[in-house]
Amino acid sequence: MMPRAELVAEPCCDAATHAAPIAVVRDAGWQRNARWARRLAWVSLAVMLTEGVVGLWQGIVVGSIALTGWALGSAPEGLASAMVIWRFSGSRTHCEKSERRAQRGVAVSFWLTAPYIAAESIRHLAGREHAETSVIGIWLTALALVLMPPLGRVKHRLAARLASGATKGEGTQNYLCAAQAGAVLIGLGVTACWSGAWWVDPAIALAIAGVAVWQGFRAWRGLDCGC
């Protein structure tokens, strides 16, 4: 027996435009995309756990606040994935309120580690603390730089088909993770080649904190939903 298609009016997330609601047909294709969104969220959750544990270990060992901050960023990124899993599980899959709640949960995920990263970056800059080189950290961030952009791109496409701001916000988290990984990789590389560039690592971490706060506000206001 074929599942019944549902036509639901989803409110546009950009309140400034006052656009009309978007009609979403929750047919078999929508259901399939919802399942894919949930599966990819599980994949991201596993990757974030690995990145967080290994990155935090290496960041503490070598004294790199950028690497430590990036690793801690895996926690809110994992929360974003958990919110998408929650959003597309059970009866919440068809609940309009679940989408908005998940979207705001993703927004909060951007803000969780920003204060810590910013405070530690300022402390390292003020104290002129030097980070050591981490070969494992270089390989870990390089892997994230390769893996995260395709994952984020797939989630953005699914988000457009599902009209899901939560899914797109999670994809943006993947893009942000890749950007952070690239910045940390540059910092680790510069630190390895030039001892006088001690300030690069905390400066990169401070920029990461700023971007996280900005993306959190965009997600909260619904500006990442593609409306």
N, C-alpha and C. Protein backbone atom coordinates (compact mmCIF):
# COMPACT_ATOMS: atom_id res chain seq x y z
N MET A 1 0.85 -1.19 0.00
CA MET A 1 0.00 0.00 0.00
C MET A 1 0.89 1.25 0.00
N MET A 2 0.65 2.13 -0.97
CA MET A 2 1.48 3.32 -1.11
C MET A 2 1.17 4.32 0.00
N PRO A 3 2.21 4.97 0.55
CA PRO A 3 1.96 5.96 1.61
C PRO A 3 1.20 7.15 1.06
N ARG A 4 0.35 7.72 1.89
CA ARG A 4 -0.45 8.86 1.46
C ARG A 4 0.41 10.12 1.46
N ALA A 5 0.33 10.86 0.36
CA ALA A 5 1.10 12.10 0.27
C ALA A 5 0.40 13.18 1.06
N GLU A 6 1.19 13.97 1.76
CA GLU A 6 0.65 15.06 2.56
C GLU A 6 1.13 16.39 2.00
N LEU A 7 0.23 17.34 1.89
CA LEU A 7 0.57 18.69 1.44
C LEU A 7 0.55 19.60 2.66
N VAL A 8 1.71 20.12 3.01
CA VAL A 8 1.83 20.93 4.23
C VAL A 8 2.42 22.28 3.88
N ALA A 9 1.87 23.33 4.43
CA ALA A 9 2.40 24.68 4.22
C ALA A 9 3.44 24.97 5.27
N GLU A 10 4.68 25.08 4.85
CA GLU A 10 5.77 25.39 5.77
C GLU A 10 5.99 26.90 5.76
N PRO A 11 6.08 27.55 6.93
CA PRO A 11 6.31 28.99 6.95
C PRO A 11 7.70 29.34 6.48
N CYS A 12 7.81 30.44 5.75
CA CYS A 12 9.12 30.90 5.30
C CYS A 12 9.92 31.36 6.51
N CYS A 13 11.23 31.04 6.53
CA CYS A 13 12.03 31.31 7.72
C CYS A 13 12.58 32.72 7.77
N ASP A 14 12.59 33.45 6.65
CA ASP A 14 13.10 34.81 6.67
C ASP A 14 11.94 35.76 6.91
N ALA A 15 11.78 36.18 8.16
CA ALA A 15 10.64 37.00 8.52
C ALA A 15 10.67 38.36 7.84
N ALA A 16 11.86 38.80 7.45
CA ALA A 16 11.99 40.12 6.86
C ALA A 16 11.30 40.22 5.51
N THR A 17 11.17 39.10 4.81
CA THR A 17 10.61 39.11 3.47
C THR A 17 9.10 38.97 3.49
N HIS A 18 8.52 38.43 4.58
CA HIS A 18 7.09 38.21 4.71
C HIS A 18 6.53 37.43 3.53
N ALA A 19 7.28 36.47 3.05
CA ALA A 19 6.84 35.69 1.90
C ALA A 19 5.77 34.71 2.31
N ALA A 20 5.03 34.21 1.32
CA ALA A 20 3.96 33.26 1.58
C ALA A 20 4.55 31.92 1.98
N PRO A 21 3.79 31.08 2.70
CA PRO A 21 4.27 29.76 3.08
C PRO A 21 4.61 28.90 1.88
N ILE A 22 5.59 28.00 2.06
CA ILE A 22 6.01 27.10 1.00
C ILE A 22 5.25 25.79 1.15
N ALA A 23 4.66 25.33 0.05
CA ALA A 23 3.93 24.07 0.08
C ALA A 23 4.89 22.91 -0.05
N VAL A 24 4.85 21.99 0.89
CA VAL A 24 5.72 20.82 0.87
C VAL A 24 4.87 19.57 0.71
N VAL A 25 5.15 18.79 -0.32
CA VAL A 25 4.43 17.55 -0.55
C VAL A 25 5.21 16.42 0.09
N ARG A 26 4.65 15.85 1.14
CA ARG A 26 5.34 14.78 1.86
C ARG A 26 4.92 13.43 1.29
N ASP A 27 5.43 13.16 0.08
CA ASP A 27 5.10 11.92 -0.60
C ASP A 27 6.20 10.89 -0.34
N ALA A 28 6.23 9.84 -1.17
CA ALA A 28 7.23 8.78 -0.98
C ALA A 28 8.65 9.31 -1.15
N GLY A 29 8.83 10.25 -2.10
CA GLY A 29 10.16 10.83 -2.30
C GLY A 29 10.62 11.63 -1.10
N TRP A 30 9.68 12.39 -0.51
CA TRP A 30 10.01 13.17 0.69
C TRP A 30 10.39 12.25 1.83
N GLN A 31 9.65 11.17 1.98
CA GLN A 31 9.93 10.20 3.05
C GLN A 31 11.32 9.58 2.85
N ARG A 32 11.68 9.28 1.61
CA ARG A 32 12.99 8.70 1.32
C ARG A 32 14.10 9.68 1.66
N ASN A 33 13.92 10.94 1.29
CA ASN A 33 14.92 11.96 1.60
C ASN A 33 15.05 12.16 3.11
N ALA A 34 13.92 12.05 3.82
CA ALA A 34 13.96 12.19 5.28
C ALA A 34 14.79 11.06 5.90
N ARG A 35 14.62 9.87 5.37
CA ARG A 35 15.43 8.74 5.88
C ARG A 35 16.91 8.96 5.61
N TRP A 36 17.24 9.49 4.42
CA TRP A 36 18.64 9.76 4.09
C TRP A 36 19.22 10.84 5.01
N ALA A 37 18.42 11.85 5.30
CA ALA A 37 18.87 12.91 6.21
C ALA A 37 19.20 12.34 7.58
N ARG A 38 18.36 11.42 8.05
CA ARG A 38 18.59 10.79 9.36
C ARG A 38 19.84 9.92 9.33
N ARG A 39 20.02 9.15 8.24
CA ARG A 39 21.21 8.28 8.14
C ARG A 39 22.50 9.09 8.09
N LEU A 40 22.50 10.16 7.30
CA LEU A 40 23.70 11.00 7.20
C LEU A 40 24.00 11.69 8.53
N ALA A 41 22.95 12.01 9.28
CA ALA A 41 23.15 12.60 10.61
C ALA A 41 23.85 11.60 11.53
N TRP A 42 23.49 10.33 11.44
CA TRP A 42 24.17 9.29 12.22
C TRP A 42 25.63 9.18 11.82
N VAL A 43 25.91 9.25 10.51
CA VAL A 43 27.30 9.20 10.02
C VAL A 43 28.09 10.38 10.60
N SER A 44 27.49 11.57 10.53
CA SER A 44 28.17 12.76 11.06
C SER A 44 28.43 12.63 12.55
N LEU A 45 27.48 12.07 13.27
CA LEU A 45 27.63 11.92 14.72
C LEU A 45 28.82 11.03 15.05
N ALA A 46 29.00 9.95 14.28
CA ALA A 46 30.14 9.05 14.49
C ALA A 46 31.46 9.74 14.18
N VAL A 47 31.47 10.52 13.08
CA VAL A 47 32.69 11.24 12.69
C VAL A 47 33.04 12.30 13.73
N MET A 48 32.02 13.02 14.20
CA MET A 48 32.26 14.07 15.20
C MET A 48 32.82 13.50 16.50
N LEU A 49 32.33 12.33 16.89
CA LEU A 49 32.84 11.68 18.10
C LEU A 49 34.32 11.36 17.96
N THR A 50 34.69 10.82 16.80
CA THR A 50 36.10 10.49 16.54
C THR A 50 36.97 11.74 16.53
N GLU A 51 36.53 12.75 15.79
CA GLU A 51 37.27 14.01 15.72
C GLU A 51 37.43 14.63 17.10
N GLY A 52 36.35 14.61 17.87
CA GLY A 52 36.39 15.25 19.18
C GLY A 52 37.39 14.59 20.12
N VAL A 53 37.35 13.27 20.18
CA VAL A 53 38.22 12.55 21.11
C VAL A 53 39.69 12.70 20.72
N VAL A 54 40.00 12.42 19.44
CA VAL A 54 41.40 12.48 18.98
C VAL A 54 41.91 13.91 18.98
N GLY A 55 41.09 14.84 18.48
CA GLY A 55 41.51 16.24 18.41
C GLY A 55 41.75 16.85 19.78
N LEU A 56 40.87 16.54 20.75
CA LEU A 56 41.04 17.07 22.09
C LEU A 56 42.30 16.52 22.74
N TRP A 57 42.55 15.25 22.54
CA TRP A 57 43.76 14.62 23.08
C TRP A 57 45.01 15.31 22.54
N GLN A 58 45.07 15.51 21.22
CA GLN A 58 46.25 16.12 20.62
C GLN A 58 46.36 17.61 20.95
N GLY A 59 45.20 18.29 20.99
CA GLY A 59 45.24 19.72 21.30
C GLY A 59 45.79 19.99 22.68
N ILE A 60 45.40 19.16 23.64
CA ILE A 60 45.89 19.32 25.01
C ILE A 60 47.37 18.96 25.10
N VAL A 61 47.77 17.90 24.39
CA VAL A 61 49.16 17.43 24.44
C VAL A 61 50.12 18.49 23.90
N VAL A 62 49.78 19.12 22.77
CA VAL A 62 50.70 20.08 22.13
C VAL A 62 50.40 21.52 22.54
N GLY A 63 49.32 21.75 23.28
CA GLY A 63 49.00 23.10 23.73
C GLY A 63 48.42 23.99 22.65
N SER A 64 47.73 23.40 21.69
CA SER A 64 47.14 24.18 20.60
C SER A 64 45.68 24.51 20.93
N ILE A 65 45.38 25.79 21.17
CA ILE A 65 44.01 26.17 21.48
C ILE A 65 43.12 26.07 20.25
N ALA A 66 43.69 26.30 19.07
CA ALA A 66 42.91 26.18 17.83
C ALA A 66 42.47 24.73 17.62
N LEU A 67 43.40 23.80 17.81
CA LEU A 67 43.08 22.39 17.65
C LEU A 67 42.11 21.93 18.74
N THR A 68 42.34 22.40 19.97
CA THR A 68 41.44 22.06 21.07
C THR A 68 40.05 22.62 20.83
N GLY A 69 39.99 23.87 20.38
CA GLY A 69 38.70 24.50 20.09
C GLY A 69 37.96 23.80 18.97
N TRP A 70 38.71 23.39 17.95
CA TRP A 70 38.10 22.65 16.84
C TRP A 70 37.55 21.32 17.32
N ALA A 71 38.30 20.65 18.18
CA ALA A 71 37.84 19.37 18.72
C ALA A 71 36.59 19.55 19.59
N LEU A 72 36.60 20.59 20.44
CA LEU A 72 35.42 20.86 21.25
C LEU A 72 34.23 21.24 20.39
N GLY A 73 34.51 21.83 19.23
CA GLY A 73 33.44 22.16 18.30
C GLY A 73 32.71 20.94 17.78
N SER A 74 33.32 19.77 17.93
CA SER A 74 32.65 18.53 17.52
C SER A 74 31.42 18.25 18.37
N ALA A 75 31.42 18.75 19.61
CA ALA A 75 30.26 18.52 20.50
C ALA A 75 29.01 19.22 19.99
N PRO A 76 29.05 20.54 19.71
CA PRO A 76 27.86 21.18 19.15
C PRO A 76 27.51 20.68 17.76
N GLU A 77 28.52 20.31 16.97
CA GLU A 77 28.23 19.74 15.65
C GLU A 77 27.50 18.41 15.80
N GLY A 78 27.94 17.64 16.80
CA GLY A 78 27.25 16.38 17.09
C GLY A 78 25.83 16.63 17.58
N LEU A 79 25.65 17.72 18.36
CA LEU A 79 24.31 18.08 18.81
C LEU A 79 23.41 18.42 17.62
N ALA A 80 23.96 19.13 16.64
CA ALA A 80 23.19 19.46 15.43
C ALA A 80 22.73 18.19 14.73
N SER A 81 23.63 17.21 14.64
CA SER A 81 23.27 15.92 14.01
C SER A 81 22.20 15.22 14.83
N ALA A 82 22.34 15.27 16.17
CA ALA A 82 21.35 14.63 17.04
C ALA A 82 19.99 15.28 16.88
N MET A 83 19.96 16.60 16.68
CA MET A 83 18.69 17.30 16.49
C MET A 83 18.01 16.86 15.20
N VAL A 84 18.80 16.62 14.15
CA VAL A 84 18.23 16.16 12.88
C VAL A 84 17.71 14.73 13.02
N ILE A 85 18.44 13.89 13.75
CA ILE A 85 17.97 12.52 14.01
C ILE A 85 16.65 12.58 14.76
N TRP A 86 16.59 13.44 15.76
CA TRP A 86 15.35 13.61 16.54
C TRP A 86 14.22 14.11 15.65
N ARG A 87 14.55 15.07 14.78
CA ARG A 87 13.54 15.68 13.90
C ARG A 87 12.88 14.65 12.98
N PHE A 88 13.67 13.73 12.43
CA PHE A 88 13.15 12.78 11.45
C PHE A 88 12.98 11.37 12.03
N SER A 89 12.63 11.29 13.29
CA SER A 89 12.37 9.99 13.93
C SER A 89 10.92 9.94 14.40
N GLY A 90 10.27 8.81 14.14
CA GLY A 90 8.91 8.57 14.62
C GLY A 90 7.89 9.56 14.10
N SER A 91 6.96 9.92 14.94
CA SER A 91 5.87 10.82 14.55
C SER A 91 6.34 12.24 14.30
N ARG A 92 7.55 12.60 14.80
CA ARG A 92 8.06 13.96 14.60
C ARG A 92 8.38 14.23 13.14
N THR A 93 8.56 13.17 12.35
CA THR A 93 8.86 13.34 10.94
C THR A 93 7.78 14.17 10.25
N HIS A 94 6.53 14.05 10.69
CA HIS A 94 5.40 14.74 10.08
C HIS A 94 4.91 15.92 10.90
N CYS A 95 5.66 16.26 11.94
CA CYS A 95 5.23 17.34 12.83
C CYS A 95 5.91 18.65 12.43
N GLU A 96 5.10 19.67 12.13
CA GLU A 96 5.65 20.95 11.71
C GLU A 96 6.44 21.63 12.83
N LYS A 97 5.98 21.50 14.07
CA LYS A 97 6.65 22.14 15.19
C LYS A 97 8.04 21.55 15.43
N SER A 98 8.21 20.28 15.10
CA SER A 98 9.50 19.62 15.31
C SER A 98 10.58 20.26 14.47
N GLU A 99 10.22 20.70 13.25
CA GLU A 99 11.21 21.32 12.37
C GLU A 99 11.76 22.60 12.99
N ARG A 100 10.88 23.45 13.51
CA ARG A 100 11.33 24.71 14.09
C ARG A 100 12.13 24.47 15.36
N ARG A 101 11.71 23.52 16.18
CA ARG A 101 12.46 23.20 17.39
C ARG A 101 13.85 22.67 17.06
N ALA A 102 13.92 21.79 16.07
CA ALA A 102 15.21 21.24 15.66
C ALA A 102 16.10 22.33 15.10
N GLN A 103 15.51 23.24 14.33
CA GLN A 103 16.27 24.34 13.74
C GLN A 103 16.89 25.20 14.83
N ARG A 104 16.12 25.51 15.87
CA ARG A 104 16.65 26.32 16.96
C ARG A 104 17.67 25.54 17.80
N GLY A 105 17.47 24.23 17.90
CA GLY A 105 18.47 23.40 18.58
C GLY A 105 19.80 23.43 17.85
N VAL A 106 19.76 23.41 16.52
CA VAL A 106 20.98 23.52 15.72
C VAL A 106 21.63 24.88 15.95
N ALA A 107 20.80 25.94 16.04
CA ALA A 107 21.34 27.28 16.28
C ALA A 107 22.10 27.33 17.61
N VAL A 108 21.51 26.75 18.65
CA VAL A 108 22.16 26.73 19.96
C VAL A 108 23.49 25.98 19.90
N SER A 109 23.53 24.96 19.04
CA SER A 109 24.76 24.16 18.92
C SER A 109 25.95 25.00 18.47
N PHE A 110 25.68 26.06 17.68
CA PHE A 110 26.77 26.93 17.24
C PHE A 110 27.36 27.75 18.39
N TRP A 111 26.54 28.03 19.40
CA TRP A 111 26.95 28.95 20.46
C TRP A 111 27.64 28.29 21.64
N LEU A 112 27.57 26.98 21.76
CA LEU A 112 27.99 26.32 22.99
C LEU A 112 29.47 26.49 23.32
N THR A 113 30.33 26.34 22.33
CA THR A 113 31.77 26.38 22.65
C THR A 113 32.43 27.71 22.33
N ALA A 114 31.71 28.64 21.68
CA ALA A 114 32.31 29.92 21.29
C ALA A 114 32.91 30.69 22.47
N PRO A 115 32.22 30.81 23.63
CA PRO A 115 32.81 31.56 24.75
C PRO A 115 34.12 30.97 25.23
N TYR A 116 34.18 29.62 25.32
CA TYR A 116 35.42 28.99 25.79
C TYR A 116 36.57 29.26 24.81
N ILE A 117 36.29 29.06 23.52
CA ILE A 117 37.33 29.26 22.51
C ILE A 117 37.84 30.69 22.53
N ALA A 118 36.91 31.66 22.61
CA ALA A 118 37.30 33.06 22.62
C ALA A 118 38.15 33.39 23.85
N ALA A 119 37.72 32.92 25.03
CA ALA A 119 38.44 33.21 26.26
C ALA A 119 39.85 32.61 26.23
N GLU A 120 39.97 31.38 25.77
CA GLU A 120 41.28 30.73 25.71
C GLU A 120 42.18 31.38 24.67
N SER A 121 41.60 31.83 23.57
CA SER A 121 42.39 32.50 22.53
C SER A 121 42.99 33.79 23.07
N ILE A 122 42.16 34.58 23.77
CA ILE A 122 42.64 35.84 24.35
C ILE A 122 43.71 35.58 25.40
N ARG A 123 43.50 34.53 26.20
CA ARG A 123 44.50 34.19 27.22
C ARG A 123 45.83 33.81 26.58
N HIS A 124 45.79 33.01 25.51
CA HIS A 124 47.02 32.59 24.84
C HIS A 124 47.70 33.77 24.16
N LEU A 125 46.92 34.69 23.59
CA LEU A 125 47.50 35.87 22.96
C LEU A 125 48.15 36.77 24.00
N ALA A 126 47.47 36.97 25.13
CA ALA A 126 48.00 37.83 26.19
C ALA A 126 49.25 37.22 26.83
N GLY A 127 49.25 35.90 26.98
CA GLY A 127 50.38 35.23 27.61
C GLY A 127 51.47 34.80 26.66
N ARG A 128 51.26 35.07 25.35
CA ARG A 128 52.24 34.69 24.31
C ARG A 128 52.62 33.21 24.44
N GLU A 129 51.62 32.37 24.62
CA GLU A 129 51.86 30.94 24.77
C GLU A 129 52.06 30.28 23.41
N HIS A 130 53.05 29.42 23.31
CA HIS A 130 53.42 28.77 22.06
C HIS A 130 52.83 27.36 22.00
N ALA A 131 52.28 27.01 20.84
CA ALA A 131 51.77 25.65 20.62
C ALA A 131 52.83 24.82 19.90
N GLU A 132 52.89 23.54 20.21
CA GLU A 132 53.82 22.65 19.55
C GLU A 132 53.16 22.03 18.31
N THR A 133 53.96 21.34 17.53
CA THR A 133 53.46 20.71 16.31
C THR A 133 52.82 19.36 16.63
N SER A 134 51.71 19.06 15.97
CA SER A 134 51.03 17.78 16.14
C SER A 134 50.85 17.12 14.78
N VAL A 135 51.59 16.05 14.53
CA VAL A 135 51.47 15.33 13.26
C VAL A 135 50.09 14.69 13.15
N ILE A 136 49.62 14.12 14.26
CA ILE A 136 48.29 13.50 14.26
C ILE A 136 47.22 14.56 14.01
N GLY A 137 47.39 15.73 14.63
CA GLY A 137 46.44 16.81 14.43
C GLY A 137 46.41 17.27 12.98
N ILE A 138 47.57 17.31 12.32
CA ILE A 138 47.64 17.70 10.91
C ILE A 138 46.88 16.70 10.04
N TRP A 139 47.09 15.42 10.27
CA TRP A 139 46.38 14.39 9.50
C TRP A 139 44.88 14.42 9.78
N LEU A 140 44.50 14.63 11.03
CA LEU A 140 43.09 14.64 11.40
C LEU A 140 42.35 15.81 10.75
N THR A 141 42.94 17.00 10.81
CA THR A 141 42.30 18.16 10.20
C THR A 141 42.29 18.06 8.68
N ALA A 142 43.33 17.47 8.10
CA ALA A 142 43.36 17.28 6.64
C ALA A 142 42.23 16.33 6.20
N LEU A 143 41.99 15.28 6.98
CA LEU A 143 40.91 14.34 6.67
C LEU A 143 39.55 15.04 6.74
N ALA A 144 39.35 15.86 7.77
CA ALA A 144 38.09 16.60 7.90
C ALA A 144 37.91 17.58 6.75
N LEU A 145 38.99 18.18 6.31
CA LEU A 145 38.94 19.14 5.20
C LEU A 145 38.48 18.48 3.91
N VAL A 146 38.80 17.20 3.75
CA VAL A 146 38.39 16.46 2.55
C VAL A 146 36.98 15.90 2.70
N LEU A 147 36.64 15.41 3.88
CA LEU A 147 35.38 14.70 4.09
C LEU A 147 34.17 15.61 4.29
N MET A 148 34.32 16.70 5.02
CA MET A 148 33.18 17.50 5.44
C MET A 148 32.46 18.26 4.31
N PRO A 149 33.17 18.88 3.36
CA PRO A 149 32.44 19.63 2.31
C PRO A 149 31.47 18.78 1.50
N PRO A 150 31.85 17.57 1.03
CA PRO A 150 30.85 16.76 0.30
C PRO A 150 29.67 16.37 1.18
N LEU A 151 29.92 16.10 2.45
CA LEU A 151 28.82 15.74 3.36
C LEU A 151 27.87 16.93 3.55
N GLY A 152 28.44 18.10 3.71
CA GLY A 152 27.61 19.29 3.85
C GLY A 152 26.82 19.60 2.59
N ARG A 153 27.43 19.39 1.42
CA ARG A 153 26.74 19.65 0.15
C ARG A 153 25.54 18.73 -0.03
N VAL A 154 25.71 17.45 0.29
CA VAL A 154 24.60 16.49 0.18
C VAL A 154 23.46 16.89 1.12
N LYS A 155 23.80 17.31 2.33
CA LYS A 155 22.77 17.71 3.29
C LYS A 155 22.03 18.97 2.84
N HIS A 156 22.73 19.89 2.22
CA HIS A 156 22.08 21.09 1.71
C HIS A 156 21.08 20.73 0.61
N ARG A 157 21.44 19.78 -0.24
CA ARG A 157 20.51 19.35 -1.29
C ARG A 157 19.29 18.66 -0.70
N LEU A 158 19.53 17.82 0.30
CA LEU A 158 18.40 17.17 0.97
C LEU A 158 17.53 18.20 1.67
N ALA A 159 18.16 19.21 2.27
CA ALA A 159 17.40 20.25 2.98
C ALA A 159 16.47 20.99 2.02
N ALA A 160 16.95 21.25 0.79
CA ALA A 160 16.11 21.93 -0.19
C ALA A 160 14.90 21.07 -0.57
N ARG A 161 15.10 19.76 -0.68
CA ARG A 161 14.00 18.86 -1.03
C ARG A 161 13.03 18.68 0.12
N LEU A 162 13.55 18.75 1.35
CA LEU A 162 12.72 18.55 2.54
C LEU A 162 12.14 19.85 3.09
N ALA A 163 12.63 21.00 2.57
CA ALA A 163 12.30 22.31 3.15
C ALA A 163 12.61 22.31 4.64
N SER A 164 13.81 21.81 4.99
CA SER A 164 14.21 21.65 6.38
C SER A 164 15.38 22.56 6.72
N GLY A 165 15.11 23.59 7.53
CA GLY A 165 16.17 24.45 8.00
C GLY A 165 17.14 23.74 8.92
N ALA A 166 16.63 22.77 9.69
CA ALA A 166 17.50 22.01 10.60
C ALA A 166 18.54 21.22 9.82
N THR A 167 18.10 20.57 8.73
CA THR A 167 19.03 19.78 7.92
C THR A 167 20.06 20.67 7.25
N LYS A 168 19.62 21.84 6.77
CA LYS A 168 20.57 22.74 6.14
C LYS A 168 21.54 23.32 7.16
N GLY A 169 21.03 23.60 8.37
CA GLY A 169 21.92 24.08 9.42
C GLY A 169 22.98 23.06 9.79
N GLU A 170 22.59 21.78 9.79
CA GLU A 170 23.56 20.72 10.07
C GLU A 170 24.60 20.67 8.97
N GLY A 171 24.16 20.84 7.71
CA GLY A 171 25.11 20.87 6.60
C GLY A 171 26.06 22.05 6.72
N THR A 172 25.54 23.19 7.16
CA THR A 172 26.39 24.36 7.39
C THR A 172 27.42 24.08 8.47
N GLN A 173 27.02 23.31 9.49
CA GLN A 173 27.97 22.89 10.52
C GLN A 173 29.12 22.10 9.90
N ASN A 174 28.81 21.23 8.93
CA ASN A 174 29.85 20.46 8.25
C ASN A 174 30.79 21.38 7.47
N TYR A 175 30.22 22.38 6.79
CA TYR A 175 31.05 23.35 6.07
C TYR A 175 31.94 24.13 7.05
N LEU A 176 31.35 24.53 8.18
CA LEU A 176 32.10 25.27 9.19
C LEU A 176 33.21 24.41 9.77
N CYS A 177 32.93 23.13 9.96
CA CYS A 177 33.94 22.19 10.46
C CYS A 177 35.11 22.12 9.49
N ALA A 178 34.81 22.06 8.18
CA ALA A 178 35.86 22.01 7.16
C ALA A 178 36.68 23.30 7.16
N ALA A 179 35.98 24.45 7.27
CA ALA A 179 36.68 25.73 7.30
C ALA A 179 37.59 25.82 8.52
N GLN A 180 37.08 25.38 9.66
CA GLN A 180 37.87 25.36 10.88
C GLN A 180 39.07 24.44 10.73
N ALA A 181 38.83 23.27 10.13
CA ALA A 181 39.92 22.30 9.94
C ALA A 181 41.01 22.90 9.07
N GLY A 182 40.60 23.60 8.00
CA GLY A 182 41.57 24.23 7.12
C GLY A 182 42.38 25.29 7.84
N ALA A 183 41.68 26.10 8.67
CA ALA A 183 42.37 27.15 9.41
C ALA A 183 43.34 26.56 10.43
N VAL A 184 42.88 25.52 11.14
CA VAL A 184 43.75 24.86 12.13
C VAL A 184 44.94 24.20 11.43
N LEU A 185 44.70 23.61 10.26
CA LEU A 185 45.78 22.97 9.51
C LEU A 185 46.84 23.99 9.11
N ILE A 186 46.39 25.17 8.68
CA ILE A 186 47.34 26.24 8.34
C ILE A 186 48.12 26.66 9.59
N GLY A 187 47.39 26.80 10.70
CA GLY A 187 48.05 27.19 11.94
C GLY A 187 49.10 26.19 12.40
N LEU A 188 48.75 24.91 12.32
CA LEU A 188 49.71 23.86 12.71
C LEU A 188 50.92 23.85 11.78
N GLY A 189 50.64 24.05 10.48
CA GLY A 189 51.73 24.07 9.50
C GLY A 189 52.66 25.25 9.72
N VAL A 190 52.10 26.44 9.95
CA VAL A 190 52.91 27.64 10.18
C VAL A 190 53.73 27.50 11.46
N THR A 191 53.08 26.95 12.51
CA THR A 191 53.78 26.74 13.78
C THR A 191 54.96 25.80 13.61
N ALA A 192 54.78 24.77 12.77
CA ALA A 192 55.85 23.81 12.54
C ALA A 192 57.03 24.42 11.79
N CYS A 193 56.75 25.40 10.92
CA CYS A 193 57.80 25.97 10.07
C CYS A 193 58.39 27.26 10.60
N TRP A 194 57.63 27.96 11.45
CA TRP A 194 58.07 29.28 11.89
C TRP A 194 57.71 29.47 13.36
N SER A 195 58.70 29.41 14.22
CA SER A 195 58.46 29.50 15.66
C SER A 195 57.97 30.88 16.08
N GLY A 196 58.27 31.90 15.27
CA GLY A 196 57.84 33.26 15.61
C GLY A 196 56.37 33.51 15.37
N ALA A 197 55.68 32.55 14.74
CA ALA A 197 54.26 32.72 14.44
C ALA A 197 53.39 32.11 15.53
N TRP A 198 53.77 32.31 16.79
CA TRP A 198 53.03 31.73 17.91
C TRP A 198 51.60 32.26 17.98
N TRP A 199 51.39 33.49 17.47
CA TRP A 199 50.09 34.15 17.57
C TRP A 199 49.07 33.63 16.56
N VAL A 200 49.53 32.88 15.54
CA VAL A 200 48.61 32.42 14.48
C VAL A 200 47.56 31.47 15.05
N ASP A 201 47.99 30.55 15.90
CA ASP A 201 47.08 29.54 16.45
C ASP A 201 45.92 30.18 17.24
N PRO A 202 46.18 31.03 18.26
CA PRO A 202 45.06 31.63 18.98
C PRO A 202 44.24 32.60 18.14
N ALA A 203 44.90 33.28 17.16
CA ALA A 203 44.16 34.20 16.28
C ALA A 203 43.15 33.43 15.43
N ILE A 204 43.54 32.27 14.92
CA ILE A 204 42.64 31.44 14.14
C ILE A 204 41.48 30.96 15.02
N ALA A 205 41.80 30.55 16.25
CA ALA A 205 40.76 30.09 17.16
C ALA A 205 39.76 31.20 17.46
N LEU A 206 40.24 32.43 17.61
CA LEU A 206 39.36 33.56 17.88
C LEU A 206 38.42 33.80 16.70
N ALA A 207 38.94 33.67 15.49
CA ALA A 207 38.10 33.81 14.30
C ALA A 207 37.05 32.71 14.24
N ILE A 208 37.42 31.50 14.63
CA ILE A 208 36.49 30.37 14.65
C ILE A 208 35.32 30.67 15.60
N ALA A 209 35.62 31.24 16.76
CA ALA A 209 34.57 31.58 17.72
C ALA A 209 33.62 32.61 17.14
N GLY A 210 34.15 33.61 16.45
CA GLY A 210 33.31 34.63 15.84
C GLY A 210 32.38 34.08 14.78
N VAL A 211 32.91 33.21 13.93
CA VAL A 211 32.10 32.61 12.87
C VAL A 211 30.99 31.75 13.47
N ALA A 212 31.31 31.01 14.53
CA ALA A 212 30.31 30.15 15.18
C ALA A 212 29.14 30.96 15.72
N VAL A 213 29.44 32.11 16.36
CA VAL A 213 28.37 32.96 16.90
C VAL A 213 27.51 33.50 15.77
N TRP A 214 28.13 33.95 14.70
CA TRP A 214 27.41 34.51 13.55
C TRP A 214 26.48 33.47 12.92
N GLN A 215 27.00 32.26 12.72
CA GLN A 215 26.19 31.20 12.13
C GLN A 215 25.05 30.79 13.06
N GLY A 216 25.28 30.88 14.36
CA GLY A 216 24.21 30.58 15.31
C GLY A 216 23.04 31.53 15.16
N PHE A 217 23.33 32.83 15.02
CA PHE A 217 22.27 33.80 14.84
C PHE A 217 21.52 33.58 13.52
N ARG A 218 22.26 33.24 12.48
CA ARG A 218 21.61 32.99 11.18
C ARG A 218 20.67 31.78 11.28
N ALA A 219 21.13 30.73 11.94
CA ALA A 219 20.30 29.53 12.07
C ALA A 219 19.07 29.80 12.93
N TRP A 220 19.25 30.58 14.00
CA TRP A 220 18.11 30.88 14.90
C TRP A 220 17.03 31.66 14.15
N ARG A 221 17.46 32.59 13.31
CA ARG A 221 16.52 33.43 12.58
C ARG A 221 15.97 32.73 11.33
N GLY A 222 16.53 31.55 11.02
CA GLY A 222 16.02 30.80 9.88
C GLY A 222 16.64 31.20 8.56
N LEU A 223 17.79 31.88 8.59
CA LEU A 223 18.39 32.35 7.34
C LEU A 223 19.15 31.27 6.61
N ASP A 224 19.25 30.07 7.18
CA ASP A 224 19.92 28.98 6.49
C ASP A 224 18.92 27.94 5.95
N CYS A 225 17.65 28.30 5.93
CA CYS A 225 16.65 27.30 5.51
C CYS A 225 16.39 27.31 4.03
N GLY A 226 16.95 28.30 3.30
CA GLY A 226 16.76 28.34 1.86
C GLY A 226 15.39 28.82 1.43
N CYS A 227 14.64 29.51 2.33
CA CYS A 227 13.30 29.98 1.99
C CYS A 227 13.37 31.07 0.93
